[in-house]
PDB file of all heavy atoms in Angstrom:
ATOM      1  N   THR A   1       0.838  -1.238  -0.030  1.00  0.00           N
ATOM      2  CA  THR A   1       0.034  -0.001  -0.034  1.00  0.00           C
ATOM      3  C   THR A   1       0.847   1.208  -0.029  1.00  0.00           C
ATOM      4  O   THR A   1       2.104   1.156   0.182  1.00  0.00           O
ATOM      5  CB  THR A   1      -0.933   0.010   1.247  1.00  0.00           C
ATOM      6  OG1 THR A   1      -0.140  -0.074   2.403  1.00  0.00           O
ATOM      7  CG2 THR A   1      -1.905  -1.158   1.229  1.00  0.00           C
ATOM      8  N   PHE A   2       0.260   2.432  -0.159  1.00  0.00           N
ATOM      9  CA  PHE A   2       0.988   3.648  -0.252  1.00  0.00           C
ATOM     10  C   PHE A   2       1.835   3.929   0.935  1.00  0.00           C
ATOM     11  O   PHE A   2       2.921   4.572   0.826  1.00  0.00           O
ATOM     12  CB  PHE A   2      -0.024   4.810  -0.471  1.00  0.00           C
ATOM     13  CG  PHE A   2      -0.792   5.172   0.761  1.00  0.00           C
ATOM     14  CD1 PHE A   2      -0.380   6.131   1.576  1.00  0.00           C
ATOM     15  CD2 PHE A   2      -1.949   4.508   1.029  1.00  0.00           C
ATOM     16  CE1 PHE A   2      -1.088   6.475   2.677  1.00  0.00           C
ATOM     17  CE2 PHE A   2      -2.699   4.813   2.155  1.00  0.00           C
ATOM     18  CZ  PHE A   2      -2.274   5.772   3.020  1.00  0.00           C
ATOM     19  N   ASP A   3       1.467   3.415   2.131  1.00  0.00           N
ATOM     20  CA  ASP A   3       2.295   3.775   3.319  1.00  0.00           C
ATOM     21  C   ASP A   3       3.502   2.860   3.445  1.00  0.00           C
ATOM     22  O   ASP A   3       4.344   3.046   4.305  1.00  0.00           O
ATOM     23  CB  ASP A   3       1.395   3.698   4.585  1.00  0.00           C
ATOM     24  CG  ASP A   3       0.952   2.241   4.893  1.00  0.00           C
ATOM     25  OD1 ASP A   3       0.662   1.516   3.910  1.00  0.00           O
ATOM     26  OD2 ASP A   3       0.762   1.981   6.048  1.00  0.00           O
ATOM     27  N   GLU A   4       3.600   1.789   2.650  1.00  0.00           N
ATOM     28  CA  GLU A   4       4.751   0.844   2.706  1.00  0.00           C
ATOM     29  C   GLU A   4       5.802   1.158   1.779  1.00  0.00           C
ATOM     30  O   GLU A   4       6.883   0.546   1.835  1.00  0.00           O
ATOM     31  CB  GLU A   4       4.192  -0.552   2.452  1.00  0.00           C
ATOM     32  CG  GLU A   4       3.173  -1.070   3.498  1.00  0.00           C
ATOM     33  CD  GLU A   4       2.579  -2.384   3.066  1.00  0.00           C
ATOM     34  OE1 GLU A   4       3.311  -3.398   3.158  1.00  0.00           O
ATOM     35  OE2 GLU A   4       1.492  -2.421   2.578  1.00  0.00           O
ATOM     36  N   VAL A   5       5.635   2.067   0.864  1.00  0.00           N
ATOM     37  CA  VAL A   5       6.590   2.347  -0.191  1.00  0.00           C
ATOM     38  C   VAL A   5       6.905   3.821  -0.278  1.00  0.00           C
ATOM     39  O   VAL A   5       6.004   4.684  -0.240  1.00  0.00           O
ATOM     40  CB  VAL A   5       6.132   1.881  -1.594  1.00  0.00           C
ATOM     41  CG1 VAL A   5       7.140   2.222  -2.685  1.00  0.00           C
ATOM     42  CG2 VAL A   5       5.789   0.432  -1.560  1.00  0.00           C
ATOM     43  N   LEU A   6       8.174   4.154  -0.324  1.00  0.00           N
ATOM     44  CA  LEU A   6       8.604   5.588  -0.481  1.00  0.00           C
ATOM     45  C   LEU A   6       9.472   5.652  -1.741  1.00  0.00           C
ATOM     46  O   LEU A   6      10.509   5.012  -1.793  1.00  0.00           O
ATOM     47  CB  LEU A   6       9.394   6.108   0.711  1.00  0.00           C
ATOM     48  CG  LEU A   6       9.885   7.512   0.593  1.00  0.00           C
ATOM     49  CD1 LEU A   6       8.731   8.511   0.528  1.00  0.00           C
ATOM     50  CD2 LEU A   6      10.793   7.877   1.706  1.00  0.00           C
ATOM     51  N   LEU A   7       8.960   6.323  -2.745  1.00  0.00           N
ATOM     52  CA  LEU A   7       9.645   6.486  -4.041  1.00  0.00           C
ATOM     53  C   LEU A   7      10.448   7.760  -3.854  1.00  0.00           C
ATOM     54  O   LEU A   7       9.927   8.870  -3.843  1.00  0.00           O
ATOM     55  CB  LEU A   7       8.692   6.591  -5.207  1.00  0.00           C
ATOM     56  CG  LEU A   7       9.252   6.869  -6.569  1.00  0.00           C
ATOM     57  CD1 LEU A   7      10.275   5.702  -6.959  1.00  0.00           C
ATOM     58  CD2 LEU A   7       8.156   6.935  -7.585  1.00  0.00           C
ATOM     59  N   CYS A   8      11.767   7.632  -3.765  1.00  0.00           N
ATOM     60  CA  CYS A   8      12.652   8.735  -3.519  1.00  0.00           C
ATOM     61  C   CYS A   8      13.069   9.446  -4.785  1.00  0.00           C
ATOM     62  O   CYS A   8      13.369   8.795  -5.828  1.00  0.00           O
ATOM     63  CB  CYS A   8      13.922   8.274  -2.752  1.00  0.00           C
ATOM     64  SG  CYS A   8      13.518   7.434  -1.189  1.00  0.00           S
ATOM     65  N   THR A   9      13.190  10.698  -4.669  1.00  0.00           N
ATOM     66  CA  THR A   9      13.701  11.574  -5.805  1.00  0.00           C
ATOM     67  C   THR A   9      14.665  12.647  -5.097  1.00  0.00           C
ATOM     68  O   THR A   9      14.619  12.742  -3.877  1.00  0.00           O
ATOM     69  CB  THR A   9      12.582  12.333  -6.516  1.00  0.00           C
ATOM     70  OG1 THR A   9      11.965  13.340  -5.634  1.00  0.00           O
ATOM     71  CG2 THR A   9      11.583  11.359  -7.027  1.00  0.00           C
ATOM     72  N   PRO A  10      15.352  13.364  -5.934  1.00  0.00           N
ATOM     73  CA  PRO A  10      16.176  14.469  -5.292  1.00  0.00           C
ATOM     74  C   PRO A  10      15.312  15.486  -4.535  1.00  0.00           C
ATOM     75  O   PRO A  10      15.818  16.147  -3.661  1.00  0.00           O
ATOM     76  CB  PRO A  10      16.866  15.096  -6.522  1.00  0.00           C
ATOM     77  CG  PRO A  10      16.936  14.062  -7.474  1.00  0.00           C
ATOM     78  CD  PRO A  10      15.732  13.257  -7.338  1.00  0.00           C
ATOM     79  N   GLN A  11      14.025  15.525  -4.832  1.00  0.00           N
ATOM     80  CA  GLN A  11      13.144  16.470  -4.152  1.00  0.00           C
ATOM     81  C   GLN A  11      12.401  15.951  -2.920  1.00  0.00           C
ATOM     82  O   GLN A  11      11.726  16.633  -2.184  1.00  0.00           O
ATOM     83  CB  GLN A  11      12.009  16.982  -5.120  1.00  0.00           C
ATOM     84  CG  GLN A  11      12.549  17.903  -6.261  1.00  0.00           C
ATOM     85  CD  GLN A  11      13.271  17.076  -7.327  1.00  0.00           C
ATOM     86  OE1 GLN A  11      12.912  15.950  -7.626  1.00  0.00           O
ATOM     87  NE2 GLN A  11      14.337  17.705  -7.906  1.00  0.00           N
ATOM     88  N   THR A  12      12.674  14.685  -2.552  1.00  0.00           N
ATOM     89  CA  THR A  12      12.106  14.050  -1.378  1.00  0.00           C
ATOM     90  C   THR A  12      12.603  14.801  -0.147  1.00  0.00           C
ATOM     91  O   THR A  12      13.816  15.018  -0.015  1.00  0.00           O
ATOM     92  CB  THR A  12      12.401  12.606  -1.305  1.00  0.00           C
ATOM     93  OG1 THR A  12      11.956  11.938  -2.474  1.00  0.00           O
ATOM     94  CG2 THR A  12      11.842  11.895  -0.086  1.00  0.00           C
ATOM     95  N   THR A  13      11.717  15.216   0.717  1.00  0.00           N
ATOM     96  CA  THR A  13      12.117  15.909   1.866  1.00  0.00           C
ATOM     97  C   THR A  13      12.458  15.076   3.092  1.00  0.00           C
ATOM     98  O   THR A  13      12.092  13.871   3.144  1.00  0.00           O
ATOM     99  CB  THR A  13      10.964  16.913   2.343  1.00  0.00           C
ATOM    100  OG1 THR A  13       9.837  16.068   2.738  1.00  0.00           O
ATOM    101  CG2 THR A  13      10.561  17.825   1.202  1.00  0.00           C
ATOM    102  N   ALA A  14      13.246  15.609   4.011  1.00  0.00           N
ATOM    103  CA  ALA A  14      13.531  14.924   5.218  1.00  0.00           C
ATOM    104  C   ALA A  14      12.351  14.487   5.998  1.00  0.00           C
ATOM    105  O   ALA A  14      12.327  13.427   6.609  1.00  0.00           O
ATOM    106  CB  ALA A  14      14.502  15.750   6.076  1.00  0.00           C
ATOM    107  N   GLU A  15      11.239  15.312   5.971  1.00  0.00           N
ATOM    108  CA  GLU A  15      10.037  15.039   6.695  1.00  0.00           C
ATOM    109  C   GLU A  15       9.390  13.820   6.048  1.00  0.00           C
ATOM    110  O   GLU A  15       8.806  12.956   6.841  1.00  0.00           O
ATOM    111  CB  GLU A  15       9.088  16.264   6.617  1.00  0.00           C
ATOM    112  CG  GLU A  15       9.490  17.406   7.423  1.00  0.00           C
ATOM    113  CD  GLU A  15      10.673  18.205   6.840  1.00  0.00           C
ATOM    114  OE1 GLU A  15      10.871  18.195   5.615  1.00  0.00           O
ATOM    115  OE2 GLU A  15      11.355  18.943   7.583  1.00  0.00           O
ATOM    116  N   GLN A  16       9.339  13.687   4.728  1.00  0.00           N
ATOM    117  CA  GLN A  16       8.763  12.514   4.110  1.00  0.00           C
ATOM    118  C   GLN A  16       9.460  11.223   4.532  1.00  0.00           C
ATOM    119  O   GLN A  16       8.920  10.223   4.794  1.00  0.00           O
ATOM    120  CB  GLN A  16       8.777  12.685   2.625  1.00  0.00           C
ATOM    121  CG  GLN A  16       7.836  13.770   2.171  1.00  0.00           C
ATOM    122  CD  GLN A  16       8.057  14.031   0.639  1.00  0.00           C
ATOM    123  OE1 GLN A  16       9.176  14.139   0.162  1.00  0.00           O
ATOM    124  NE2 GLN A  16       6.948  14.141  -0.101  1.00  0.00           N
ATOM    125  N   VAL A  17      10.830  11.319   4.569  1.00  0.00           N
ATOM    126  CA  VAL A  17      11.627  10.189   4.904  1.00  0.00           C
ATOM    127  C   VAL A  17      11.412   9.863   6.378  1.00  0.00           C
ATOM    128  O   VAL A  17      11.306   8.667   6.719  1.00  0.00           O
ATOM    129  CB  VAL A  17      13.108  10.424   4.619  1.00  0.00           C
ATOM    130  CG1 VAL A  17      13.996   9.250   5.145  1.00  0.00           C
ATOM    131  CG2 VAL A  17      13.350  10.558   3.142  1.00  0.00           C
ATOM    132  N   GLU A  18      11.292  10.837   7.271  1.00  0.00           N
ATOM    133  CA  GLU A  18      11.109  10.678   8.622  1.00  0.00           C
ATOM    134  C   GLU A  18       9.762   9.970   8.898  1.00  0.00           C
ATOM    135  O   GLU A  18       9.688   8.946   9.707  1.00  0.00           O
ATOM    136  CB  GLU A  18      11.083  11.978   9.410  1.00  0.00           C
ATOM    137  CG  GLU A  18      10.850  11.792  10.895  1.00  0.00           C
ATOM    138  CD  GLU A  18      10.949  13.155  11.673  1.00  0.00           C
ATOM    139  OE1 GLU A  18      11.434  14.140  11.117  1.00  0.00           O
ATOM    140  OE2 GLU A  18      10.531  13.126  12.783  1.00  0.00           O
ATOM    141  N   LEU A  19       8.658  10.421   8.289  1.00  0.00           N
ATOM    142  CA  LEU A  19       7.384   9.772   8.434  1.00  0.00           C
ATOM    143  C   LEU A  19       7.458   8.328   8.018  1.00  0.00           C
ATOM    144  O   LEU A  19       6.893   7.476   8.670  1.00  0.00           O
ATOM    145  CB  LEU A  19       6.309  10.519   7.623  1.00  0.00           C
ATOM    146  CG  LEU A  19       5.920  11.880   8.164  1.00  0.00           C
ATOM    147  CD1 LEU A  19       4.976  12.573   7.129  1.00  0.00           C
ATOM    148  CD2 LEU A  19       5.209  11.717   9.498  1.00  0.00           C
ATOM    149  N   PHE A  20       8.101   8.037   6.923  1.00  0.00           N
ATOM    150  CA  PHE A  20       8.244   6.655   6.395  1.00  0.00           C
ATOM    151  C   PHE A  20       9.043   5.801   7.389  1.00  0.00           C
ATOM    152  O   PHE A  20       8.582   4.721   7.777  1.00  0.00           O
ATOM    153  CB  PHE A  20       8.914   6.721   5.030  1.00  0.00           C
ATOM    154  CG  PHE A  20       9.153   5.329   4.531  1.00  0.00           C
ATOM    155  CD1 PHE A  20       8.144   4.674   3.886  1.00  0.00           C
ATOM    156  CD2 PHE A  20      10.420   4.705   4.583  1.00  0.00           C
ATOM    157  CE1 PHE A  20       8.344   3.358   3.409  1.00  0.00           C
ATOM    158  CE2 PHE A  20      10.632   3.495   4.075  1.00  0.00           C
ATOM    159  CZ  PHE A  20       9.596   2.796   3.432  1.00  0.00           C
ATOM    160  N   LEU A  21      10.132   6.293   7.852  1.00  0.00           N
ATOM    161  CA  LEU A  21      10.965   5.494   8.852  1.00  0.00           C
ATOM    162  C   LEU A  21      10.249   5.262  10.174  1.00  0.00           C
ATOM    163  O   LEU A  21      10.316   4.239  10.743  1.00  0.00           O
ATOM    164  CB  LEU A  21      12.321   6.168   9.044  1.00  0.00           C
ATOM    165  CG  LEU A  21      13.272   6.114   7.844  1.00  0.00           C
ATOM    166  CD1 LEU A  21      14.526   6.883   8.167  1.00  0.00           C
ATOM    167  CD2 LEU A  21      13.670   4.648   7.555  1.00  0.00           C
ATOM    168  N   ARG A  22       9.445   6.274  10.576  1.00  0.00           N
ATOM    169  CA  ARG A  22       8.664   6.063  11.834  1.00  0.00           C
ATOM    170  C   ARG A  22       7.686   4.978  11.642  1.00  0.00           C
ATOM    171  O   ARG A  22       7.394   4.215  12.516  1.00  0.00           O
ATOM    172  CB  ARG A  22       8.012   7.402  12.252  1.00  0.00           C
ATOM    173  CG  ARG A  22       9.059   8.343  12.831  1.00  0.00           C
ATOM    174  CD  ARG A  22       8.402   9.629  13.346  1.00  0.00           C
ATOM    175  NE  ARG A  22       9.373  10.523  13.820  1.00  0.00           N
ATOM    176  CZ  ARG A  22      10.088  10.514  14.977  1.00  0.00           C
ATOM    177  NH1 ARG A  22       9.766   9.516  15.836  1.00  0.00           N
ATOM    178  NH2 ARG A  22      10.926  11.435  15.336  1.00  0.00           N
ATOM    179  N   ARG A  23       6.985   4.984  10.434  1.00  0.00           N
ATOM    180  CA  ARG A  23       5.959   3.891  10.218  1.00  0.00           C
ATOM    181  C   ARG A  23       6.623   2.544  10.222  1.00  0.00           C
ATOM    182  O   ARG A  23       6.107   1.555  10.691  1.00  0.00           O
ATOM    183  CB  ARG A  23       5.278   4.142   8.863  1.00  0.00           C
ATOM    184  CG  ARG A  23       4.162   5.147   8.881  1.00  0.00           C
ATOM    185  CD  ARG A  23       3.361   5.118   7.663  1.00  0.00           C
ATOM    186  NE  ARG A  23       4.018   5.277   6.407  1.00  0.00           N
ATOM    187  CZ  ARG A  23       4.228   6.413   5.788  1.00  0.00           C
ATOM    188  NH1 ARG A  23       3.736   7.518   6.306  1.00  0.00           N
ATOM    189  NH2 ARG A  23       4.872   6.462   4.638  1.00  0.00           N
ATOM    190  N   CYS A  24       7.894   2.513   9.689  1.00  0.00           N
ATOM    191  CA  CYS A  24       8.596   1.242   9.593  1.00  0.00           C
ATOM    192  C   CYS A  24       9.167   0.815  10.928  1.00  0.00           C
ATOM    193  O   CYS A  24       9.082  -0.392  11.265  1.00  0.00           O
ATOM    194  CB  CYS A  24       9.710   1.352   8.589  1.00  0.00           C
ATOM    195  SG  CYS A  24      10.784   0.002   8.434  1.00  0.00           S
ATOM    196  N   LEU A  25       9.711   1.661  11.714  1.00  0.00           N
ATOM    197  CA  LEU A  25      10.555   1.285  12.799  1.00  0.00           C
ATOM    198  C   LEU A  25       9.916   1.410  14.152  1.00  0.00           C
ATOM    199  O   LEU A  25      10.412   0.873  15.195  1.00  0.00           O
ATOM    200  CB  LEU A  25      11.833   2.156  12.828  1.00  0.00           C
ATOM    201  CG  LEU A  25      12.754   1.869  11.605  1.00  0.00           C
ATOM    202  CD1 LEU A  25      13.878   2.911  11.549  1.00  0.00           C
ATOM    203  CD2 LEU A  25      13.263   0.462  11.603  1.00  0.00           C
ATOM    204  N   ILE A  26       8.718   2.055  14.246  1.00  0.00           N
ATOM    205  CA  ILE A  26       8.084   2.138  15.533  1.00  0.00           C
ATOM    206  C   ILE A  26       7.016   0.995  15.557  1.00  0.00           C
ATOM    207  O   ILE A  26       6.120   0.961  14.687  1.00  0.00           O
ATOM    208  CB  ILE A  26       7.460   3.510  15.743  1.00  0.00           C
ATOM    209  CG1 ILE A  26       8.554   4.531  15.831  1.00  0.00           C
ATOM    210  CG2 ILE A  26       6.537   3.551  16.995  1.00  0.00           C
ATOM    211  CD1 ILE A  26       8.065   5.988  16.029  1.00  0.00           C
ATOM    212  N   PRO A  27       7.110   0.092  16.562  1.00  0.00           N
ATOM    213  CA  PRO A  27       6.167  -1.031  16.563  1.00  0.00           C
ATOM    214  C   PRO A  27       4.735  -0.561  16.775  1.00  0.00           C
ATOM    215  O   PRO A  27       4.450   0.371  17.575  1.00  0.00           O
ATOM    216  CB  PRO A  27       6.663  -1.843  17.870  1.00  0.00           C
ATOM    217  CG  PRO A  27       7.946  -1.236  18.279  1.00  0.00           C
ATOM    218  CD  PRO A  27       8.013   0.106  17.666  1.00  0.00           C
ATOM    219  N   CYS A  28       3.892  -1.171  16.036  1.00  0.00           N
ATOM    220  CA  CYS A  28       2.470  -0.858  16.161  1.00  0.00           C
ATOM    221  C   CYS A  28       1.695  -2.144  15.746  1.00  0.00           C
ATOM    222  O   CYS A  28       2.276  -3.186  15.405  1.00  0.00           O
ATOM    223  CB  CYS A  28       2.017   0.300  15.301  1.00  0.00           C
ATOM    224  SG  CYS A  28       2.215   0.021  13.532  1.00  0.00           S
ATOM    225  N   SER A  29       0.372  -2.044  15.739  1.00  0.00           N
ATOM    226  CA  SER A  29      -0.419  -3.288  15.429  1.00  0.00           C
ATOM    227  C   SER A  29      -0.697  -3.371  13.930  1.00  0.00           C
ATOM    228  O   SER A  29      -1.659  -3.904  13.518  1.00  0.00           O
ATOM    229  CB  SER A  29      -1.684  -3.248  16.180  1.00  0.00           C
ATOM    230  OG  SER A  29      -2.457  -2.099  15.821  1.00  0.00           O
ATOM    231  N   GLY A  30       0.153  -2.778  13.128  1.00  0.00           N
ATOM    232  CA  GLY A  30      -0.008  -2.746  11.614  1.00  0.00           C
ATOM    233  C   GLY A  30       0.288  -4.079  10.964  1.00  0.00           C
ATOM    234  O   GLY A  30       0.034  -4.198   9.791  1.00  0.00           O
ATOM    235  N   GLY A  31       0.738  -5.071  11.674  1.00  0.00           N
ATOM    236  CA  GLY A  31       0.986  -6.381  11.013  1.00  0.00           C
ATOM    237  C   GLY A  31       2.392  -6.556  10.560  1.00  0.00           C
ATOM    238  O   GLY A  31       3.291  -5.787  10.969  1.00  0.00           O
ATOM    239  N   GLU A  32       2.645  -7.429   9.617  1.00  0.00           N
ATOM    240  CA  GLU A  32       3.960  -7.747   9.165  1.00  0.00           C
ATOM    241  C   GLU A  32       4.261  -7.088   7.865  1.00  0.00           C
ATOM    242  O   GLU A  32       4.557  -7.766   6.830  1.00  0.00           O
ATOM    243  CB  GLU A  32       3.975  -9.267   9.022  1.00  0.00           C
ATOM    244  CG  GLU A  32       3.944 -10.060  10.325  1.00  0.00           C
ATOM    245  CD  GLU A  32       5.135  -9.859  11.194  1.00  0.00           C
ATOM    246  OE1 GLU A  32       6.293  -9.823  10.672  1.00  0.00           O
ATOM    247  OE2 GLU A  32       5.011  -9.736  12.429  1.00  0.00           O
ATOM    248  N   LYS A  33       4.212  -5.795   7.770  1.00  0.00           N
ATOM    249  CA  LYS A  33       4.400  -5.132   6.484  1.00  0.00           C
ATOM    250  C   LYS A  33       5.929  -5.105   6.189  1.00  0.00           C
ATOM    251  O   LYS A  33       6.782  -5.139   7.072  1.00  0.00           O
ATOM    252  CB  LYS A  33       3.922  -3.649   6.578  1.00  0.00           C
ATOM    253  CG  LYS A  33       2.409  -3.607   6.689  1.00  0.00           C
ATOM    254  CD  LYS A  33       2.008  -2.138   6.776  1.00  0.00           C
ATOM    255  CE  LYS A  33       0.488  -2.055   6.712  1.00  0.00           C
ATOM    256  NZ  LYS A  33       0.037  -0.655   6.668  1.00  0.00           N
ATOM    257  N   ILE A  34       6.199  -5.082   4.907  1.00  0.00           N
ATOM    258  CA  ILE A  34       7.558  -4.921   4.376  1.00  0.00           C
ATOM    259  C   ILE A  34       7.677  -3.566   3.783  1.00  0.00           C
ATOM    260  O   ILE A  34       6.992  -3.256   2.840  1.00  0.00           O
ATOM    261  CB  ILE A  34       7.926  -5.975   3.398  1.00  0.00           C
ATOM    262  CG1 ILE A  34       7.768  -7.353   3.994  1.00  0.00           C
ATOM    263  CG2 ILE A  34       9.337  -5.791   2.806  1.00  0.00           C
ATOM    264  CD1 ILE A  34       7.935  -8.517   2.971  1.00  0.00           C
ATOM    265  N   TYR A  35       8.424  -2.709   4.352  1.00  0.00           N
ATOM    266  CA  TYR A  35       8.570  -1.319   3.896  1.00  0.00           C
ATOM    267  C   TYR A  35       9.754  -1.248   2.927  1.00  0.00           C
ATOM    268  O   TYR A  35      10.707  -1.907   3.124  1.00  0.00           O
ATOM    269  CB  TYR A  35       8.861  -0.337   5.092  1.00  0.00           C
ATOM    270  CG  TYR A  35       7.634  -0.242   5.974  1.00  0.00           C
ATOM    271  CD1 TYR A  35       7.377  -1.156   7.035  1.00  0.00           C
ATOM    272  CD2 TYR A  35       6.674   0.724   5.777  1.00  0.00           C
ATOM    273  CE1 TYR A  35       6.274  -1.056   7.839  1.00  0.00           C
ATOM    274  CE2 TYR A  35       5.589   0.807   6.574  1.00  0.00           C
ATOM    275  CZ  TYR A  35       5.353  -0.067   7.587  1.00  0.00           C
ATOM    276  OH  TYR A  35       4.259  -0.006   8.336  1.00  0.00           O
ATOM    277  N   THR A  36       9.544  -0.450   1.892  1.00  0.00           N
ATOM    278  CA  THR A  36      10.499  -0.363   0.803  1.00  0.00           C
ATOM    279  C   THR A  36      10.786   1.113   0.404  1.00  0.00           C
ATOM    280  O   THR A  36       9.805   1.885   0.131  1.00  0.00           O
ATOM    281  CB  THR A  36      10.009  -1.141  -0.414  1.00  0.00           C
ATOM    282  OG1 THR A  36       9.658  -2.466  -0.053  1.00  0.00           O
ATOM    283  CG2 THR A  36      11.037  -1.142  -1.499  1.00  0.00           C
ATOM    284  N   MET A  37      12.062   1.445   0.406  1.00  0.00           N
ATOM    285  CA  MET A  37      12.530   2.718  -0.118  1.00  0.00           C
ATOM    286  C   MET A  37      13.071   2.522  -1.502  1.00  0.00           C
ATOM    287  O   MET A  37      14.059   1.762  -1.632  1.00  0.00           O
ATOM    288  CB  MET A  37      13.602   3.373   0.757  1.00  0.00           C
ATOM    289  CG  MET A  37      13.092   3.835   2.101  1.00  0.00           C
ATOM    290  SD  MET A  37      14.406   4.536   3.107  1.00  0.00           S
ATOM    291  CE  MET A  37      14.738   6.099   2.227  1.00  0.00           C
ATOM    292  N   LEU A  38      12.494   3.068  -2.549  1.00  0.00           N
ATOM    293  CA  LEU A  38      12.947   2.925  -3.893  1.00  0.00           C
ATOM    294  C   LEU A  38      13.789   4.105  -4.239  1.00  0.00           C
ATOM    295  O   LEU A  38      13.450   5.229  -4.008  1.00  0.00           O
ATOM    296  CB  LEU A  38      11.772   2.848  -4.827  1.00  0.00           C
ATOM    297  CG  LEU A  38      10.783   1.650  -4.645  1.00  0.00           C
ATOM    298  CD1 LEU A  38       9.545   1.734  -5.471  1.00  0.00           C
ATOM    299  CD2 LEU A  38      11.544   0.373  -5.012  1.00  0.00           C
ATOM    300  N   TYR A  39      14.966   3.848  -4.909  1.00  0.00           N
ATOM    301  CA  TYR A  39      15.858   4.827  -5.392  1.00  0.00           C
ATOM    302  C   TYR A  39      16.352   5.718  -4.220  1.00  0.00           C
ATOM    303  O   TYR A  39      16.484   6.961  -4.435  1.00  0.00           O
ATOM    304  CB  TYR A  39      15.227   5.646  -6.531  1.00  0.00           C
ATOM    305  CG  TYR A  39      14.869   4.807  -7.682  1.00  0.00           C
ATOM    306  CD1 TYR A  39      13.549   4.780  -7.997  1.00  0.00           C
ATOM    307  CD2 TYR A  39      15.754   4.033  -8.414  1.00  0.00           C
ATOM    308  CE1 TYR A  39      13.107   3.962  -9.125  1.00  0.00           C
ATOM    309  CE2 TYR A  39      15.382   3.258  -9.430  1.00  0.00           C
ATOM    310  CZ  TYR A  39      14.027   3.173  -9.737  1.00  0.00           C
ATOM    311  OH  TYR A  39      13.659   2.420 -10.839  1.00  0.00           O
TER     312      TYR A  39
END
């Protein structure tokens, strides 16, 4: 889903990466998602 993938570009902000990493690394009841940073 959209929250599991971050498509990076030179314009990707630190805030976007931070939100993504927090979803990935902070334990929650979201299940066994596999998070992916592309490029």
